[in-house]
């Protein structure tokens, strides 16, 4: 789909999905359950037509979590060494990104950052501060059909060595003025430049929107 996703329809579909999920969780009336299930399926059909993501995949993403729907959380580790930023090459698209992924249940945000950096790059790190918390979809031309909050966490290397992981094919440190081709579905150049500003000036406040 080449055109920008019609945002109002995406928001309508997400809202219908959220109402249906909440209704299915709390209602005890079998007829209401049938109606909420119909709304649930309708929301997925709308999203499928807008995003071109297969309905079965949408069903897995949305309907594996029951109950009141809340945004998903993604965590990206921002690691600098000698003013160069740590990036990992994603096997999925052959492009580069900050180490990170979706938050796992039962883990602290700092623990997730530590694990993601270790698994994707081989380095041991210590999280030091939060650089930003943003609405992921605001930075995407084709937003995901669900809300994602992306947390950027500055980390410092305390050990380990460069080593690829299950999801990565290369590891490297890059000058901020000579970045490789980025996996922009994960992180954008604009975001990396802002992280660099925050890294250089500790007085700047974290970004959030």
C-alpha atoms as a PDB file:
ATOM      1  CA  UNK A   1       0.000   0.000   0.000  1.00  0.00           C
ATOM      2  CA  UNK A   2       1.738   3.162  -1.166  1.00  0.00           C
ATOM      3  CA  UNK A   3      -0.528   5.803   0.282  1.00  0.00           C
ATOM      4  CA  UNK A   4      -0.391   6.913   3.878  1.00  0.00           C
ATOM      5  CA  UNK A   5      -2.736   4.912   6.095  1.00  0.00           C
ATOM      6  CA  UNK A   6      -5.992   6.839   6.753  1.00  0.00           C
ATOM      7  CA  UNK A   7      -5.351   7.509  10.414  1.00  0.00           C
ATOM      8  CA  UNK A   8      -8.970   8.142  11.406  1.00  0.00           C
ATOM      9  CA  UNK A   9     -10.049   4.690  10.191  1.00  0.00           C
ATOM     10  CA  UNK A  10      -7.147   3.036  11.961  1.00  0.00           C
ATOM     11  CA  UNK A  11      -8.124   4.769  15.191  1.00  0.00           C
ATOM     12  CA  UNK A  12     -11.758   3.728  14.718  1.00  0.00           C
ATOM     13  CA  UNK A  13     -10.753   0.098  14.188  1.00  0.00           C
ATOM     14  CA  UNK A  14      -8.495   0.096  17.254  1.00  0.00           C
ATOM     15  CA  UNK A  15     -11.255   1.638  19.348  1.00  0.00           C
ATOM     16  CA  UNK A  16     -13.791  -0.976  18.193  1.00  0.00           C
ATOM     17  CA  UNK A  17     -11.273  -3.713  19.036  1.00  0.00           C
ATOM     18  CA  UNK A  18     -10.678  -2.288  22.505  1.00  0.00           C
ATOM     19  CA  UNK A  19     -14.425  -2.008  23.257  1.00  0.00           C
ATOM     20  CA  UNK A  20     -14.994  -5.577  22.046  1.00  0.00           C
ATOM     21  CA  UNK A  21     -12.120  -6.990  24.122  1.00  0.00           C
ATOM     22  CA  UNK A  22     -13.296  -5.212  27.255  1.00  0.00           C
ATOM     23  CA  UNK A  23     -16.892  -6.316  26.661  1.00  0.00           C
ATOM     24  CA  UNK A  24     -15.896  -9.957  26.197  1.00  0.00           C
ATOM     25  CA  UNK A  25     -13.964  -9.819  29.455  1.00  0.00           C
ATOM     26  CA  UNK A  26     -16.729  -8.477  31.658  1.00  0.00           C
ATOM     27  CA  UNK A  27     -20.038  -9.538  30.118  1.00  0.00           C
ATOM     28  CA  UNK A  28     -21.790 -12.719  31.270  1.00  0.00           C
ATOM     29  CA  UNK A  29     -24.629 -12.566  28.760  1.00  0.00           C
ATOM     30  CA  UNK A  30     -24.157 -15.025  25.893  1.00  0.00           C
ATOM     31  CA  UNK A  31     -25.922 -12.742  23.401  1.00  0.00           C
ATOM     32  CA  UNK A  32     -23.666  -9.840  24.328  1.00  0.00           C
ATOM     33  CA  UNK A  33     -20.658 -12.125  23.858  1.00  0.00           C
ATOM     34  CA  UNK A  34     -21.844 -12.895  20.329  1.00  0.00           C
ATOM     35  CA  UNK A  35     -22.182  -9.174  19.577  1.00  0.00           C
ATOM     36  CA  UNK A  36     -18.752  -8.349  21.013  1.00  0.00           C
ATOM     37  CA  UNK A  37     -17.195 -11.208  19.051  1.00  0.00           C
ATOM     38  CA  UNK A  38     -18.757  -9.822  15.881  1.00  0.00           C
ATOM     39  CA  UNK A  39     -17.308  -6.382  16.690  1.00  0.00           C
ATOM     40  CA  UNK A  40     -13.929  -7.981  17.314  1.00  0.00           C
ATOM     41  CA  UNK A  41     -13.923  -9.649  13.914  1.00  0.00           C
ATOM     42  CA  UNK A  42     -15.150  -6.450  12.262  1.00  0.00           C
ATOM     43  CA  UNK A  43     -12.247  -4.469  13.738  1.00  0.00           C
ATOM     44  CA  UNK A  44      -9.740  -6.997  12.368  1.00  0.00           C
ATOM     45  CA  UNK A  45     -11.360  -6.879   8.924  1.00  0.00           C
ATOM     46  CA  UNK A  46     -11.065  -3.095   8.833  1.00  0.00           C
ATOM     47  CA  UNK A  47      -7.406  -3.242   9.923  1.00  0.00           C
ATOM     48  CA  UNK A  48      -6.651  -5.886   7.333  1.00  0.00           C
ATOM     49  CA  UNK A  49      -8.042  -3.682   4.558  1.00  0.00           C
ATOM     50  CA  UNK A  50      -6.165  -0.622   5.788  1.00  0.00           C
ATOM     51  CA  UNK A  51      -2.776  -2.131   6.610  1.00  0.00           C
ATOM     52  CA  UNK A  52      -2.673  -5.170   4.296  1.00  0.00           C
ATOM     53  CA  UNK A  53      -1.571  -7.271   7.290  1.00  0.00           C
ATOM     54  CA  UNK A  54      -3.090 -10.742   7.125  1.00  0.00           C
ATOM     55  CA  UNK A  55      -6.203 -11.091   9.304  1.00  0.00           C
ATOM     56  CA  UNK A  56      -4.799 -14.228  10.971  1.00  0.00           C
ATOM     57  CA  UNK A  57      -1.704 -12.327  12.054  1.00  0.00           C
ATOM     58  CA  UNK A  58      -3.823  -9.470  13.358  1.00  0.00           C
ATOM     59  CA  UNK A  59      -5.946 -11.970  15.258  1.00  0.00           C
ATOM     60  CA  UNK A  60      -2.810 -13.367  16.914  1.00  0.00           C
ATOM     61  CA  UNK A  61      -1.466  -9.925  17.832  1.00  0.00           C
ATOM     62  CA  UNK A  62      -4.703  -8.565  19.260  1.00  0.00           C
ATOM     63  CA  UNK A  63      -6.620 -11.520  20.597  1.00  0.00           C
ATOM     64  CA  UNK A  64      -3.865 -13.365  22.445  1.00  0.00           C
ATOM     65  CA  UNK A  65      -4.255 -10.737  25.196  1.00  0.00           C
ATOM     66  CA  UNK A  66      -7.725 -10.647  26.655  1.00  0.00           C
ATOM     67  CA  UNK A  67      -9.223  -7.913  28.779  1.00  0.00           C
ATOM     68  CA  UNK A  68      -8.831  -4.162  28.745  1.00  0.00           C
ATOM     69  CA  UNK A  69      -6.463  -3.215  25.920  1.00  0.00           C
ATOM     70  CA  UNK A  70      -3.424  -1.038  26.643  1.00  0.00           C
ATOM     71  CA  UNK A  71      -0.496   0.082  24.451  1.00  0.00           C
ATOM     72  CA  UNK A  72       2.406  -2.297  23.952  1.00  0.00           C
ATOM     73  CA  UNK A  73       5.857  -1.190  25.111  1.00  0.00           C
ATOM     74  CA  UNK A  74       9.066  -1.399  23.099  1.00  0.00           C
ATOM     75  CA  UNK A  75      12.501  -0.794  24.650  1.00  0.00           C
ATOM     76  CA  UNK A  76      15.579   0.368  22.754  1.00  0.00           C
ATOM     77  CA  UNK A  77      19.047   0.559  24.309  1.00  0.00           C
ATOM     78  CA  UNK A  78      21.188   3.564  23.393  1.00  0.00           C
ATOM     79  CA  UNK A  79      24.868   2.674  23.806  1.00  0.00           C
ATOM     80  CA  UNK A  80      27.783   4.942  22.888  1.00  0.00           C
ATOM     81  CA  UNK A  81      31.508   4.168  22.881  1.00  0.00           C
ATOM     82  CA  UNK A  82      33.978   6.888  21.964  1.00  0.00           C
ATOM     83  CA  UNK A  83      31.099   8.969  20.574  1.00  0.00           C
ATOM     84  CA  UNK A  84      30.017   6.154  18.261  1.00  0.00           C
ATOM     85  CA  UNK A  85      26.643   4.484  18.607  1.00  0.00           C
ATOM     86  CA  UNK A  86      26.108   0.732  18.894  1.00  0.00           C
ATOM     87  CA  UNK A  87      23.875  -0.717  16.181  1.00  0.00           C
ATOM     88  CA  UNK A  88      22.924  -4.283  15.291  1.00  0.00           C
ATOM     89  CA  UNK A  89      22.032  -5.612  11.856  1.00  0.00           C
ATOM     90  CA  UNK A  90      18.595  -7.223  11.792  1.00  0.00           C
ATOM     91  CA  UNK A  91      18.338 -10.554   9.985  1.00  0.00           C
ATOM     92  CA  UNK A  92      14.711  -9.828   9.168  1.00  0.00           C
ATOM     93  CA  UNK A  93      15.406  -6.952   6.767  1.00  0.00           C
ATOM     94  CA  UNK A  94      19.212  -6.679   6.570  1.00  0.00           C
ATOM     95  CA  UNK A  95      19.196  -3.176   8.036  1.00  0.00           C
ATOM     96  CA  UNK A  96      20.529  -1.669  11.252  1.00  0.00           C
ATOM     97  CA  UNK A  97      18.818  -0.739  14.485  1.00  0.00           C
ATOM     98  CA  UNK A  98      19.364  -0.032  18.163  1.00  0.00           C
ATOM     99  CA  UNK A  99      19.329  -3.235  20.244  1.00  0.00           C
ATOM    100  CA  UNK A 100      15.877  -3.822  21.678  1.00  0.00           C
ATOM    101  CA  UNK A 101      12.412  -5.265  21.334  1.00  0.00           C
ATOM    102  CA  UNK A 102       9.029  -5.549  23.013  1.00  0.00           C
ATOM    103  CA  UNK A 103       8.886  -5.545  26.802  1.00  0.00           C
ATOM    104  CA  UNK A 104       8.437  -8.937  28.454  1.00  0.00           C
ATOM    105  CA  UNK A 105       5.983  -9.536  31.278  1.00  0.00           C
ATOM    106  CA  UNK A 106       7.545  -9.889  34.727  1.00  0.00           C
ATOM    107  CA  UNK A 107      10.770  -7.999  33.906  1.00  0.00           C
ATOM    108  CA  UNK A 108      11.938  -4.524  34.820  1.00  0.00           C
ATOM    109  CA  UNK A 109      12.583  -2.142  31.909  1.00  0.00           C
ATOM    110  CA  UNK A 110      16.279  -2.055  32.860  1.00  0.00           C
ATOM    111  CA  UNK A 111      16.443  -5.858  32.842  1.00  0.00           C
ATOM    112  CA  UNK A 112      14.908  -5.963  29.376  1.00  0.00           C
ATOM    113  CA  UNK A 113      17.457  -3.455  28.061  1.00  0.00           C
ATOM    114  CA  UNK A 114      20.325  -5.490  29.545  1.00  0.00           C
ATOM    115  CA  UNK A 115      19.021  -8.746  28.068  1.00  0.00           C
ATOM    116  CA  UNK A 116      18.335  -7.287  24.615  1.00  0.00           C
ATOM    117  CA  UNK A 117      21.821  -5.787  24.309  1.00  0.00           C
ATOM    118  CA  UNK A 118      23.454  -9.027  25.454  1.00  0.00           C
ATOM    119  CA  UNK A 119      21.371 -11.244  23.168  1.00  0.00           C
ATOM    120  CA  UNK A 120      21.689  -9.032  20.088  1.00  0.00           C
ATOM    121  CA  UNK A 121      25.222  -7.615  20.400  1.00  0.00           C
ATOM    122  CA  UNK A 122      27.151  -9.670  22.978  1.00  0.00           C
ATOM    123  CA  UNK A 123      27.905  -6.698  25.243  1.00  0.00           C
ATOM    124  CA  UNK A 124      27.132  -6.428  28.952  1.00  0.00           C
ATOM    125  CA  UNK A 125      25.640  -3.059  29.842  1.00  0.00           C
ATOM    126  CA  UNK A 126      24.363  -1.039  32.762  1.00  0.00           C
ATOM    127  CA  UNK A 127      21.321   1.218  32.152  1.00  0.00           C
ATOM    128  CA  UNK A 128      21.971   4.746  33.406  1.00  0.00           C
ATOM    129  CA  UNK A 129      18.992   6.917  32.458  1.00  0.00           C
ATOM    130  CA  UNK A 130      15.888   7.270  30.319  1.00  0.00           C
ATOM    131  CA  UNK A 131      16.373   9.384  27.194  1.00  0.00           C
ATOM    132  CA  UNK A 132      12.853   9.318  25.838  1.00  0.00           C
ATOM    133  CA  UNK A 133       9.385   7.838  25.774  1.00  0.00           C
ATOM    134  CA  UNK A 134       7.509   8.314  22.507  1.00  0.00           C
ATOM    135  CA  UNK A 135       4.395   7.220  20.667  1.00  0.00           C
ATOM    136  CA  UNK A 136       5.948   4.938  18.045  1.00  0.00           C
ATOM    137  CA  UNK A 137       3.239   5.449  15.431  1.00  0.00           C
ATOM    138  CA  UNK A 138       3.731   9.226  15.357  1.00  0.00           C
ATOM    139  CA  UNK A 139       7.073   8.641  13.615  1.00  0.00           C
ATOM    140  CA  UNK A 140       5.888   6.083  11.075  1.00  0.00           C
ATOM    141  CA  UNK A 141       4.389   6.734   7.635  1.00  0.00           C
ATOM    142  CA  UNK A 142       2.641   3.366   7.915  1.00  0.00           C
ATOM    143  CA  UNK A 143       1.808   2.957  11.613  1.00  0.00           C
ATOM    144  CA  UNK A 144       1.223  -0.385  13.273  1.00  0.00           C
ATOM    145  CA  UNK A 145      -2.450  -1.322  13.776  1.00  0.00           C
ATOM    146  CA  UNK A 146      -1.915  -1.124  17.544  1.00  0.00           C
ATOM    147  CA  UNK A 147      -0.447   1.492  19.877  1.00  0.00           C
ATOM    148  CA  UNK A 148       3.212   1.188  20.867  1.00  0.00           C
ATOM    149  CA  UNK A 149       5.125   3.310  23.372  1.00  0.00           C
ATOM    150  CA  UNK A 150       8.859   3.219  22.723  1.00  0.00           C
ATOM    151  CA  UNK A 151      11.266   3.690  25.628  1.00  0.00           C
ATOM    152  CA  UNK A 152      14.851   4.751  24.875  1.00  0.00           C
ATOM    153  CA  UNK A 153      17.314   3.894  27.644  1.00  0.00           C
ATOM    154  CA  UNK A 154      20.942   5.017  27.764  1.00  0.00           C
ATOM    155  CA  UNK A 155      23.322   2.231  28.764  1.00  0.00           C
ATOM    156  CA  UNK A 156      27.068   1.983  29.317  1.00  0.00           C
ATOM    157  CA  UNK A 157      29.209  -1.010  28.435  1.00  0.00           C
ATOM    158  CA  UNK A 158      30.665  -2.858  31.422  1.00  0.00           C
ATOM    159  CA  UNK A 159      31.868  -6.031  29.703  1.00  0.00           C
ATOM    160  CA  UNK A 160      31.391  -8.585  26.961  1.00  0.00           C
ATOM    161  CA  UNK A 161      32.428  -8.415  23.318  1.00  0.00           C
ATOM    162  CA  UNK A 162      30.764  -8.026  19.945  1.00  0.00           C
ATOM    163  CA  UNK A 163      28.783 -11.126  19.071  1.00  0.00           C
ATOM    164  CA  UNK A 164      25.720 -11.653  16.888  1.00  0.00           C
ATOM    165  CA  UNK A 165      22.538 -13.280  18.150  1.00  0.00           C
ATOM    166  CA  UNK A 166      19.556 -15.231  16.881  1.00  0.00           C
ATOM    167  CA  UNK A 167      17.971 -12.124  15.343  1.00  0.00           C
ATOM    168  CA  UNK A 168      21.129 -10.234  14.337  1.00  0.00           C
ATOM    169  CA  UNK A 169      23.793 -10.824  11.674  1.00  0.00           C
ATOM    170  CA  UNK A 170      26.325  -8.095  12.525  1.00  0.00           C
ATOM    171  CA  UNK A 171      27.322  -5.685  15.290  1.00  0.00           C
ATOM    172  CA  UNK A 172      29.079  -2.346  14.943  1.00  0.00           C
ATOM    173  CA  UNK A 173      29.758   1.141  16.286  1.00  0.00           C
ATOM    174  CA  UNK A 174      29.006   3.988  13.901  1.00  0.00           C
ATOM    175  CA  UNK A 175      29.837   7.666  13.717  1.00  0.00           C
ATOM    176  CA  UNK A 176      26.657   9.682  14.009  1.00  0.00           C
ATOM    177  CA  UNK A 177      27.453  11.415  10.698  1.00  0.00           C
ATOM    178  CA  UNK A 178      27.946   8.121   8.848  1.00  0.00           C
ATOM    179  CA  UNK A 179      25.077   5.855   9.806  1.00  0.00           C
ATOM    180  CA  UNK A 180      24.321   2.683   7.814  1.00  0.00           C
ATOM    181  CA  UNK A 181      20.925   1.961   6.260  1.00  0.00           C
ATOM    182  CA  UNK A 182      18.515   1.921   9.171  1.00  0.00           C
ATOM    183  CA  UNK A 183      15.622  -0.421   9.866  1.00  0.00           C
ATOM    184  CA  UNK A 184      13.226   2.487  10.135  1.00  0.00           C
ATOM    185  CA  UNK A 185      10.348   0.285  11.285  1.00  0.00           C
ATOM    186  CA  UNK A 186      12.409   0.010  14.476  1.00  0.00           C
ATOM    187  CA  UNK A 187      14.250   3.315  14.776  1.00  0.00           C
ATOM    188  CA  UNK A 188      14.592   6.429  12.617  1.00  0.00           C
ATOM    189  CA  UNK A 189      17.591   8.630  11.907  1.00  0.00           C
ATOM    190  CA  UNK A 190      15.771  11.536  13.546  1.00  0.00           C
ATOM    191  CA  UNK A 191      15.443   9.542  16.759  1.00  0.00           C
ATOM    192  CA  UNK A 192      19.106   8.517  16.759  1.00  0.00           C
ATOM    193  CA  UNK A 193      20.205  12.125  16.216  1.00  0.00           C
ATOM    194  CA  UNK A 194      18.063  13.204  19.163  1.00  0.00           C
ATOM    195  CA  UNK A 195      19.540  10.439  21.336  1.00  0.00           C
ATOM    196  CA  UNK A 196      23.010  11.696  20.426  1.00  0.00           C
ATOM    197  CA  UNK A 197      22.097  15.237  21.516  1.00  0.00           C
ATOM    198  CA  UNK A 198      20.885  13.908  24.854  1.00  0.00           C
ATOM    199  CA  UNK A 199      24.023  11.800  25.238  1.00  0.00           C
ATOM    200  CA  UNK A 200      26.285  14.806  24.654  1.00  0.00           C
ATOM    201  CA  UNK A 201      24.332  17.213  26.854  1.00  0.00           C
ATOM    202  CA  UNK A 202      23.287  15.670  30.161  1.00  0.00           C
ATOM    203  CA  UNK A 203      21.316  18.815  31.021  1.00  0.00           C
ATOM    204  CA  UNK A 204      18.784  18.219  28.265  1.00  0.00           C
ATOM    205  CA  UNK A 205      15.473  16.741  29.363  1.00  0.00           C
ATOM    206  CA  UNK A 206      14.287  13.394  28.016  1.00  0.00           C
ATOM    207  CA  UNK A 207      11.876  13.588  25.089  1.00  0.00           C
ATOM    208  CA  UNK A 208       8.291  12.428  25.410  1.00  0.00           C
ATOM    209  CA  UNK A 209       5.195  12.637  23.201  1.00  0.00           C
END
